[in-house]
Amino acid sequence: MTKTINPETGKKQKKHRLVGKVSACMLVSTLTLLFWPAGTKAAVNFSVNGTSTLEIIEMLTIMALIPSILIMTSCFTRIIIVLSFLRSALGLQQTPPNQVLIGIALFLTLFTMSPVISDINKDAYQPYKQEQITQEEFIQKASVPLKEFMLKNTKKTDISLFRSLSKTDSKTNVKDLPITVVIPAFMTSELKRAFIIGFLLYIPFMVIDIIVSSTLMSMGMIMLPPTMISLPFKILLFIIVDGWDLLFKALVTGFNL
């Protein structure tokens, strides 16, 4: 008996085989680069348009880490946490949705850090694009404006904490500290400031909740959820005081550039 093979099934099987072959080739290439004997590595250091394989792998790794670098070295962390606190303080579950909050935080980050981005573009990216500097020099020059931004917005106590944890000499100048000490100190300072702003955002909305709940209790309306009555008043208060403009202004002007 002859078996009939569905054309779509045959295409899927060919696609899976092709993906498997490509994955196997990539795995073999990576293992070859990692575990090839030291004396013969130069023989397998292929190049594409003058760029070595190791440089391509390094650049792809940096591109994969760009989201983490954005969160760790920019004002994105403070902005997204404050926006999340605001949504919780208003008592809204999924409004605005997470995609909207992330988009607002991303563009506020780009707006706030535009001077830093301009310095990186002028001092690092353009010379690297014109092949005036190497990839290592590009990374080094690009980290200088970011490091200055982080140091300006990092508390001295947090710098001292991570300086002591890393056992760095106390006489070392702050500007000479390694980036591995500056980044966690900056993130700690950003978390502290974000939680302080979130606490201040909660206070007026919490007052409305207390007033509404005490009013309902005095009227004997125990079974009515206070959040159902207080939510419109909280939204109305936020609209009357022009809350979005005030919040964005406070967030943008709160950074030292």
C-alpha atoms as a PDB file:
ATOM      1  CA  MET A   1       0.000   0.000   0.000  1.00  0.00           C
ATOM      2  CA  THR A   2       1.231   3.459  -0.838  1.00  0.00           C
ATOM      3  CA  LYS A   3       0.899   6.228   1.764  1.00  0.00           C
ATOM      4  CA  THR A   4      -0.448   9.582   0.624  1.00  0.00           C
ATOM      5  CA  ILE A   5       1.418  12.562   2.060  1.00  0.00           C
ATOM      6  CA  ASN A   6      -0.394  15.840   2.474  1.00  0.00           C
ATOM      7  CA  PRO A   7       1.477  18.605   0.579  1.00  0.00           C
ATOM      8  CA  GLU A   8       1.135  20.980   3.548  1.00  0.00           C
ATOM      9  CA  THR A   9       2.543  18.338   5.902  1.00  0.00           C
ATOM     10  CA  GLY A  10       5.464  17.790   3.530  1.00  0.00           C
ATOM     11  CA  LYS A  11       6.205  21.523   3.453  1.00  0.00           C
ATOM     12  CA  LYS A  12       6.125  21.715   7.261  1.00  0.00           C
ATOM     13  CA  GLN A  13       8.502  18.748   7.530  1.00  0.00           C
ATOM     14  CA  LYS A  14      10.927  20.376   5.068  1.00  0.00           C
ATOM     15  CA  LYS A  15      10.733  23.663   6.988  1.00  0.00           C
ATOM     16  CA  HIS A  16      11.463  21.894  10.300  1.00  0.00           C
ATOM     17  CA  ARG A  17      14.423  20.082   8.728  1.00  0.00           C
ATOM     18  CA  LEU A  18      15.769  23.389   7.347  1.00  0.00           C
ATOM     19  CA  VAL A  19      15.418  25.099  10.724  1.00  0.00           C
ATOM     20  CA  GLY A  20      17.122  22.170  12.400  1.00  0.00           C
ATOM     21  CA  LYS A  21      20.048  22.282   9.960  1.00  0.00           C
ATOM     22  CA  VAL A  22      20.470  26.056  10.411  1.00  0.00           C
ATOM     23  CA  SER A  23      20.364  25.705  14.205  1.00  0.00           C
ATOM     24  CA  ALA A  24      22.893  22.888  14.117  1.00  0.00           C
ATOM     25  CA  CYS A  25      25.232  24.948  11.927  1.00  0.00           C
ATOM     26  CA  MET A  26      24.966  27.940  14.252  1.00  0.00           C
ATOM     27  CA  LEU A  27      25.626  25.733  17.285  1.00  0.00           C
ATOM     28  CA  VAL A  28      28.664  24.104  15.667  1.00  0.00           C
ATOM     29  CA  SER A  29      30.041  27.510  14.627  1.00  0.00           C
ATOM     30  CA  THR A  30      29.609  28.941  18.119  1.00  0.00           C
ATOM     31  CA  LEU A  31      31.242  25.933  19.785  1.00  0.00           C
ATOM     32  CA  THR A  32      34.082  26.079  17.273  1.00  0.00           C
ATOM     33  CA  LEU A  33      34.762  29.733  18.083  1.00  0.00           C
ATOM     34  CA  LEU A  34      34.603  29.128  21.827  1.00  0.00           C
ATOM     35  CA  PHE A  35      36.592  25.908  22.170  1.00  0.00           C
ATOM     36  CA  TRP A  36      38.993  26.012  19.219  1.00  0.00           C
ATOM     37  CA  PRO A  37      42.636  25.761  20.337  1.00  0.00           C
ATOM     38  CA  ALA A  38      44.255  29.116  21.023  1.00  0.00           C
ATOM     39  CA  GLY A  39      46.981  28.665  18.425  1.00  0.00           C
ATOM     40  CA  THR A  40      44.565  28.056  15.570  1.00  0.00           C
ATOM     41  CA  LYS A  41      41.880  30.628  16.319  1.00  0.00           C
ATOM     42  CA  ALA A  42      43.317  33.012  13.751  1.00  0.00           C
ATOM     43  CA  ALA A  43      42.601  30.446  11.060  1.00  0.00           C
ATOM     44  CA  VAL A  44      38.861  30.424  11.767  1.00  0.00           C
ATOM     45  CA  ASN A  45      38.471  34.164  12.349  1.00  0.00           C
ATOM     46  CA  PHE A  46      36.368  34.816   9.275  1.00  0.00           C
ATOM     47  CA  SER A  47      35.504  38.336   8.193  1.00  0.00           C
ATOM     48  CA  VAL A  48      32.517  39.953   6.510  1.00  0.00           C
ATOM     49  CA  ASN A  49      33.201  43.262   4.769  1.00  0.00           C
ATOM     50  CA  GLY A  50      36.274  43.785   6.938  1.00  0.00           C
ATOM     51  CA  THR A  51      34.491  42.939  10.204  1.00  0.00           C
ATOM     52  CA  SER A  52      35.659  39.863  12.093  1.00  0.00           C
ATOM     53  CA  THR A  53      33.281  37.180  13.330  1.00  0.00           C
ATOM     54  CA  LEU A  54      34.013  37.929  16.979  1.00  0.00           C
ATOM     55  CA  GLU A  55      33.160  41.603  16.468  1.00  0.00           C
ATOM     56  CA  ILE A  56      29.844  40.613  14.852  1.00  0.00           C
ATOM     57  CA  ILE A  57      29.018  38.320  17.795  1.00  0.00           C
ATOM     58  CA  GLU A  58      29.930  41.080  20.241  1.00  0.00           C
ATOM     59  CA  MET A  59      27.721  43.604  18.440  1.00  0.00           C
ATOM     60  CA  LEU A  60      24.783  41.160  18.340  1.00  0.00           C
ATOM     61  CA  THR A  61      25.206  40.586  22.079  1.00  0.00           C
ATOM     62  CA  ILE A  62      25.108  44.338  22.718  1.00  0.00           C
ATOM     63  CA  MET A  63      21.954  44.652  20.596  1.00  0.00           C
ATOM     64  CA  ALA A  64      20.296  41.880  22.620  1.00  0.00           C
ATOM     65  CA  LEU A  65      21.165  43.704  25.861  1.00  0.00           C
ATOM     66  CA  ILE A  66      19.872  47.114  24.706  1.00  0.00           C
ATOM     67  CA  PRO A  67      16.537  46.809  26.641  1.00  0.00           C
ATOM     68  CA  SER A  68      18.410  45.999  29.862  1.00  0.00           C
ATOM     69  CA  ILE A  69      20.896  48.809  29.237  1.00  0.00           C
ATOM     70  CA  LEU A  70      17.998  51.218  28.668  1.00  0.00           C
ATOM     71  CA  ILE A  71      16.391  50.244  31.969  1.00  0.00           C
ATOM     72  CA  MET A  72      19.627  50.295  33.978  1.00  0.00           C
ATOM     73  CA  THR A  73      21.285  53.450  32.702  1.00  0.00           C
ATOM     74  CA  SER A  74      18.413  55.838  31.902  1.00  0.00           C
ATOM     75  CA  CYS A  75      15.472  57.528  33.591  1.00  0.00           C
ATOM     76  CA  PHE A  76      13.066  54.870  32.277  1.00  0.00           C
ATOM     77  CA  THR A  77      12.904  53.034  35.621  1.00  0.00           C
ATOM     78  CA  ARG A  78      11.709  56.029  37.648  1.00  0.00           C
ATOM     79  CA  ILE A  79       9.123  57.078  35.059  1.00  0.00           C
ATOM     80  CA  ILE A  80       7.504  53.656  34.583  1.00  0.00           C
ATOM     81  CA  ILE A  81       7.321  53.007  38.341  1.00  0.00           C
ATOM     82  CA  VAL A  82       5.712  56.404  38.988  1.00  0.00           C
ATOM     83  CA  LEU A  83       3.148  55.809  36.238  1.00  0.00           C
ATOM     84  CA  SER A  84       2.328  52.405  37.738  1.00  0.00           C
ATOM     85  CA  PHE A  85       1.882  54.002  41.171  1.00  0.00           C
ATOM     86  CA  LEU A  86      -0.453  56.597  39.653  1.00  0.00           C
ATOM     87  CA  ARG A  87      -2.648  53.947  38.082  1.00  0.00           C
ATOM     88  CA  SER A  88      -2.855  52.071  41.373  1.00  0.00           C
ATOM     89  CA  ALA A  89      -3.596  55.272  43.329  1.00  0.00           C
ATOM     90  CA  LEU A  90      -6.483  56.113  41.001  1.00  0.00           C
ATOM     91  CA  GLY A  91      -7.851  52.613  41.527  1.00  0.00           C
ATOM     92  CA  LEU A  92      -7.838  51.765  37.831  1.00  0.00           C
ATOM     93  CA  GLN A  93      -7.088  48.158  36.950  1.00  0.00           C
ATOM     94  CA  GLN A  94      -5.926  48.219  33.323  1.00  0.00           C
ATOM     95  CA  THR A  95      -6.404  51.866  32.305  1.00  0.00           C
ATOM     96  CA  PRO A  96      -4.112  53.073  30.836  1.00  0.00           C
ATOM     97  CA  PRO A  97      -2.924  49.641  29.628  1.00  0.00           C
ATOM     98  CA  ASN A  98       0.659  48.506  30.077  1.00  0.00           C
ATOM     99  CA  GLN A  99       1.542  49.186  26.434  1.00  0.00           C
ATOM    100  CA  VAL A 100       0.466  52.822  26.796  1.00  0.00           C
ATOM    101  CA  LEU A 101       2.434  53.281  30.027  1.00  0.00           C
ATOM    102  CA  ILE A 102       5.564  51.758  28.496  1.00  0.00           C
ATOM    103  CA  GLY A 103       5.185  53.957  25.404  1.00  0.00           C
ATOM    104  CA  ILE A 104       4.787  57.112  27.522  1.00  0.00           C
ATOM    105  CA  ALA A 105       7.788  56.162  29.668  1.00  0.00           C
ATOM    106  CA  LEU A 106       9.900  55.391  26.597  1.00  0.00           C
ATOM    107  CA  PHE A 107       9.246  58.699  24.841  1.00  0.00           C
ATOM    108  CA  LEU A 108       9.634  60.698  28.059  1.00  0.00           C
ATOM    109  CA  THR A 109      12.976  58.943  28.495  1.00  0.00           C
ATOM    110  CA  LEU A 110      14.061  59.886  24.973  1.00  0.00           C
ATOM    111  CA  PHE A 111      12.922  63.480  25.543  1.00  0.00           C
ATOM    112  CA  THR A 112      14.686  63.774  28.897  1.00  0.00           C
ATOM    113  CA  MET A 113      17.927  62.152  27.778  1.00  0.00           C
ATOM    114  CA  SER A 114      18.167  63.882  24.389  1.00  0.00           C
ATOM    115  CA  PRO A 115      21.327  65.831  25.445  1.00  0.00           C
ATOM    116  CA  VAL A 116      23.014  62.582  26.477  1.00  0.00           C
ATOM    117  CA  ILE A 117      21.960  60.889  23.240  1.00  0.00           C
ATOM    118  CA  SER A 118      23.316  63.841  21.247  1.00  0.00           C
ATOM    119  CA  ASP A 119      26.692  63.592  22.998  1.00  0.00           C
ATOM    120  CA  ILE A 120      26.878  59.859  22.305  1.00  0.00           C
ATOM    121  CA  ASN A 121      25.989  60.423  18.657  1.00  0.00           C
ATOM    122  CA  LYS A 122      28.568  63.200  18.226  1.00  0.00           C
ATOM    123  CA  ASP A 123      31.479  61.759  20.220  1.00  0.00           C
ATOM    124  CA  ALA A 124      31.044  58.020  19.693  1.00  0.00           C
ATOM    125  CA  TYR A 125      28.624  56.937  16.977  1.00  0.00           C
ATOM    126  CA  GLN A 126      29.608  59.303  14.161  1.00  0.00           C
ATOM    127  CA  PRO A 127      33.375  58.625  14.503  1.00  0.00           C
ATOM    128  CA  TYR A 128      32.666  54.880  14.656  1.00  0.00           C
ATOM    129  CA  LYS A 129      30.384  55.126  11.612  1.00  0.00           C
ATOM    130  CA  GLN A 130      33.155  56.897   9.704  1.00  0.00           C
ATOM    131  CA  GLU A 131      35.624  54.187  10.860  1.00  0.00           C
ATOM    132  CA  GLN A 132      37.737  56.700  12.765  1.00  0.00           C
ATOM    133  CA  ILE A 133      37.632  54.682  16.009  1.00  0.00           C
ATOM    134  CA  THR A 134      37.429  50.998  16.867  1.00  0.00           C
ATOM    135  CA  GLN A 135      34.524  49.182  18.436  1.00  0.00           C
ATOM    136  CA  GLU A 136      36.186  49.171  21.879  1.00  0.00           C
ATOM    137  CA  GLU A 137      36.757  52.933  21.684  1.00  0.00           C
ATOM    138  CA  PHE A 138      33.133  53.405  20.617  1.00  0.00           C
ATOM    139  CA  ILE A 139      31.863  51.564  23.713  1.00  0.00           C
ATOM    140  CA  GLN A 140      34.244  53.485  25.951  1.00  0.00           C
ATOM    141  CA  LYS A 141      33.291  56.908  24.561  1.00  0.00           C
ATOM    142  CA  ALA A 142      29.577  56.093  24.540  1.00  0.00           C
ATOM    143  CA  SER A 143      29.663  55.148  28.230  1.00  0.00           C
ATOM    144  CA  VAL A 144      31.156  58.505  29.299  1.00  0.00           C
ATOM    145  CA  PRO A 145      27.967  60.652  28.874  1.00  0.00           C
ATOM    146  CA  LEU A 146      25.838  57.894  30.408  1.00  0.00           C
ATOM    147  CA  LYS A 147      28.177  57.668  33.386  1.00  0.00           C
ATOM    148  CA  GLU A 148      28.059  61.441  33.913  1.00  0.00           C
ATOM    149  CA  PHE A 149      24.247  61.378  33.773  1.00  0.00           C
ATOM    150  CA  MET A 150      24.048  58.556  36.297  1.00  0.00           C
ATOM    151  CA  LEU A 151      26.499  60.196  38.703  1.00  0.00           C
ATOM    152  CA  LYS A 152      24.509  63.459  38.628  1.00  0.00           C
ATOM    153  CA  ASN A 153      21.340  61.588  39.624  1.00  0.00           C
ATOM    154  CA  THR A 154      22.835  59.183  42.177  1.00  0.00           C
ATOM    155  CA  LYS A 155      22.804  59.815  45.909  1.00  0.00           C
ATOM    156  CA  LYS A 156      26.136  59.908  47.696  1.00  0.00           C
ATOM    157  CA  THR A 157      24.970  57.326  50.228  1.00  0.00           C
ATOM    158  CA  ASP A 158      24.248  54.813  47.471  1.00  0.00           C
ATOM    159  CA  ILE A 159      27.635  55.432  45.861  1.00  0.00           C
ATOM    160  CA  SER A 160      29.324  54.938  49.238  1.00  0.00           C
ATOM    161  CA  LEU A 161      27.345  51.724  49.790  1.00  0.00           C
ATOM    162  CA  PHE A 162      28.397  50.070  46.534  1.00  0.00           C
ATOM    163  CA  ARG A 163      31.902  51.471  46.821  1.00  0.00           C
ATOM    164  CA  SER A 164      32.264  49.632  50.122  1.00  0.00           C
ATOM    165  CA  LEU A 165      30.594  46.474  48.782  1.00  0.00           C
ATOM    166  CA  SER A 166      32.987  46.370  45.843  1.00  0.00           C
ATOM    167  CA  LYS A 167      35.929  47.119  48.186  1.00  0.00           C
ATOM    168  CA  THR A 168      36.983  50.062  46.035  1.00  0.00           C
ATOM    169  CA  ASP A 169      39.490  52.462  47.516  1.00  0.00           C
ATOM    170  CA  SER A 170      37.666  55.288  49.307  1.00  0.00           C
ATOM    171  CA  LYS A 171      40.184  57.777  47.943  1.00  0.00           C
ATOM    172  CA  THR A 172      39.153  57.018  44.364  1.00  0.00           C
ATOM    173  CA  ASN A 173      37.447  59.931  42.668  1.00  0.00           C
ATOM    174  CA  VAL A 174      33.749  59.436  41.941  1.00  0.00           C
ATOM    175  CA  LYS A 175      34.292  60.028  38.223  1.00  0.00           C
ATOM    176  CA  ASP A 176      36.914  57.266  38.177  1.00  0.00           C
ATOM    177  CA  LEU A 177      34.637  54.618  39.668  1.00  0.00           C
ATOM    178  CA  PRO A 178      33.990  51.606  37.423  1.00  0.00           C
ATOM    179  CA  ILE A 179      30.689  51.373  35.614  1.00  0.00           C
ATOM    180  CA  THR A 180      29.861  48.207  37.580  1.00  0.00           C
ATOM    181  CA  VAL A 181      29.682  50.344  40.738  1.00  0.00           C
ATOM    182  CA  VAL A 182      27.877  53.323  39.214  1.00  0.00           C
ATOM    183  CA  ILE A 183      25.000  51.393  37.608  1.00  0.00           C
ATOM    184  CA  PRO A 184      23.673  49.587  40.751  1.00  0.00           C
ATOM    185  CA  ALA A 185      24.072  52.786  42.799  1.00  0.00           C
ATOM    186  CA  PHE A 186      22.093  54.710  40.175  1.00  0.00           C
ATOM    187  CA  MET A 187      19.346  52.071  40.060  1.00  0.00           C
ATOM    188  CA  THR A 188      19.039  52.108  43.866  1.00  0.00           C
ATOM    189  CA  SER A 189      18.671  55.892  43.870  1.00  0.00           C
ATOM    190  CA  GLU A 190      16.063  55.726  41.111  1.00  0.00           C
ATOM    191  CA  LEU A 191      14.014  53.147  43.019  1.00  0.00           C
ATOM    192  CA  LYS A 192      14.096  55.296  46.161  1.00  0.00           C
ATOM    193  CA  ARG A 193      12.977  58.432  44.331  1.00  0.00           C
ATOM    194  CA  ALA A 194      10.257  56.556  42.428  1.00  0.00           C
ATOM    195  CA  PHE A 195       8.768  55.145  45.629  1.00  0.00           C
ATOM    196  CA  ILE A 196       8.859  58.563  47.321  1.00  0.00           C
ATOM    197  CA  ILE A 197       6.985  60.113  44.379  1.00  0.00           C
ATOM    198  CA  GLY A 198       4.515  57.214  44.433  1.00  0.00           C
ATOM    199  CA  PHE A 199       3.862  57.773  48.146  1.00  0.00           C
ATOM    200  CA  LEU A 200       3.167  61.476  47.539  1.00  0.00           C
ATOM    201  CA  LEU A 201       0.802  60.565  44.702  1.00  0.00           C
ATOM    202  CA  TYR A 202      -1.180  58.247  46.957  1.00  0.00           C
ATOM    203  CA  ILE A 203      -1.916  60.863  49.650  1.00  0.00           C
ATOM    204  CA  PRO A 204      -4.623  63.004  47.916  1.00  0.00           C
ATOM    205  CA  PHE A 205      -6.415  59.977  46.491  1.00  0.00           C
ATOM    206  CA  MET A 206      -6.281  58.207  49.851  1.00  0.00           C
ATOM    207  CA  VAL A 207      -7.906  61.263  51.479  1.00  0.00           C
ATOM    208  CA  ILE A 208     -10.791  60.990  49.004  1.00  0.00           C
ATOM    209  CA  ASP A 209     -11.189  57.286  49.838  1.00  0.00           C
ATOM    210  CA  ILE A 210     -11.301  58.080  53.583  1.00  0.00           C
ATOM    211  CA  ILE A 211     -13.881  60.853  53.123  1.00  0.00           C
ATOM    212  CA  VAL A 212     -16.105  58.693  50.920  1.00  0.00           C
ATOM    213  CA  SER A 213     -15.895  55.645  53.193  1.00  0.00           C
ATOM    214  CA  SER A 214     -16.661  57.677  56.350  1.00  0.00           C
ATOM    215  CA  THR A 215     -19.617  59.349  54.592  1.00  0.00           C
ATOM    216  CA  LEU A 216     -21.042  56.008  53.529  1.00  0.00           C
ATOM    217  CA  MET A 217     -20.615  54.641  57.051  1.00  0.00           C
ATOM    218  CA  SER A 218     -22.438  57.611  58.569  1.00  0.00           C
ATOM    219  CA  MET A 219     -25.296  57.129  56.100  1.00  0.00           C
ATOM    220  CA  GLY A 220     -25.535  53.445  56.945  1.00  0.00           C
ATOM    221  CA  MET A 221     -24.637  52.326  53.421  1.00  0.00           C
ATOM    222  CA  ILE A 222     -22.293  49.588  54.560  1.00  0.00           C
ATOM    223  CA  MET A 223     -22.893  47.204  51.645  1.00  0.00           C
ATOM    224  CA  LEU A 224     -21.939  49.776  48.983  1.00  0.00           C
ATOM    225  CA  PRO A 225     -18.249  49.534  47.995  1.00  0.00           C
ATOM    226  CA  PRO A 226     -16.518  52.863  48.701  1.00  0.00           C
ATOM    227  CA  THR A 227     -14.284  52.500  45.608  1.00  0.00           C
ATOM    228  CA  MET A 228     -17.345  52.627  43.357  1.00  0.00           C
ATOM    229  CA  ILE A 229     -18.156  56.123  44.663  1.00  0.00           C
ATOM    230  CA  SER A 230     -14.628  57.441  45.161  1.00  0.00           C
ATOM    231  CA  LEU A 231     -13.294  56.467  41.719  1.00  0.00           C
ATOM    232  CA  PRO A 232     -15.186  59.172  39.753  1.00  0.00           C
ATOM    233  CA  PHE A 233     -14.150  61.802  42.323  1.00  0.00           C
ATOM    234  CA  LYS A 234     -10.492  60.775  42.054  1.00  0.00           C
ATOM    235  CA  ILE A 235     -10.607  60.955  38.257  1.00  0.00           C
ATOM    236  CA  LEU A 236     -12.356  64.331  38.469  1.00  0.00           C
ATOM    237  CA  LEU A 237      -9.705  65.668  40.869  1.00  0.00           C
ATOM    238  CA  PHE A 238      -6.928  64.466  38.598  1.00  0.00           C
ATOM    239  CA  ILE A 239      -8.527  66.189  35.594  1.00  0.00           C
ATOM    240  CA  ILE A 240      -9.226  69.465  37.426  1.00  0.00           C
ATOM    241  CA  VAL A 241      -5.634  69.922  38.612  1.00  0.00           C
ATOM    242  CA  ASP A 242      -4.336  68.978  35.121  1.00  0.00           C
ATOM    243  CA  GLY A 243      -2.550  65.991  36.592  1.00  0.00           C
ATOM    244  CA  TRP A 244      -0.825  64.668  33.472  1.00  0.00           C
ATOM    245  CA  ASP A 245       0.945  67.962  32.773  1.00  0.00           C
ATOM    246  CA  LEU A 246       1.984  68.362  36.402  1.00  0.00           C
ATOM    247  CA  LEU A 247       3.256  64.801  36.594  1.00  0.00           C
ATOM    248  CA  PHE A 248       5.222  64.937  33.336  1.00  0.00           C
ATOM    249  CA  LYS A 249       6.710  68.306  34.272  1.00  0.00           C
ATOM    250  CA  ALA A 250       7.782  67.001  37.693  1.00  0.00           C
ATOM    251  CA  LEU A 251       9.309  63.877  36.155  1.00  0.00           C
ATOM    252  CA  VAL A 252      11.268  65.675  33.421  1.00  0.00           C
ATOM    253  CA  THR A 253      12.533  68.526  35.624  1.00  0.00           C
ATOM    254  CA  GLY A 254      13.448  66.126  38.409  1.00  0.00           C
ATOM    255  CA  PHE A 255      16.537  64.886  36.558  1.00  0.00           C
ATOM    256  CA  ASN A 256      19.908  66.615  36.648  1.00  0.00           C
ATOM    257  CA  LEU A 257      21.386  66.871  33.145  1.00  0.00           C
END
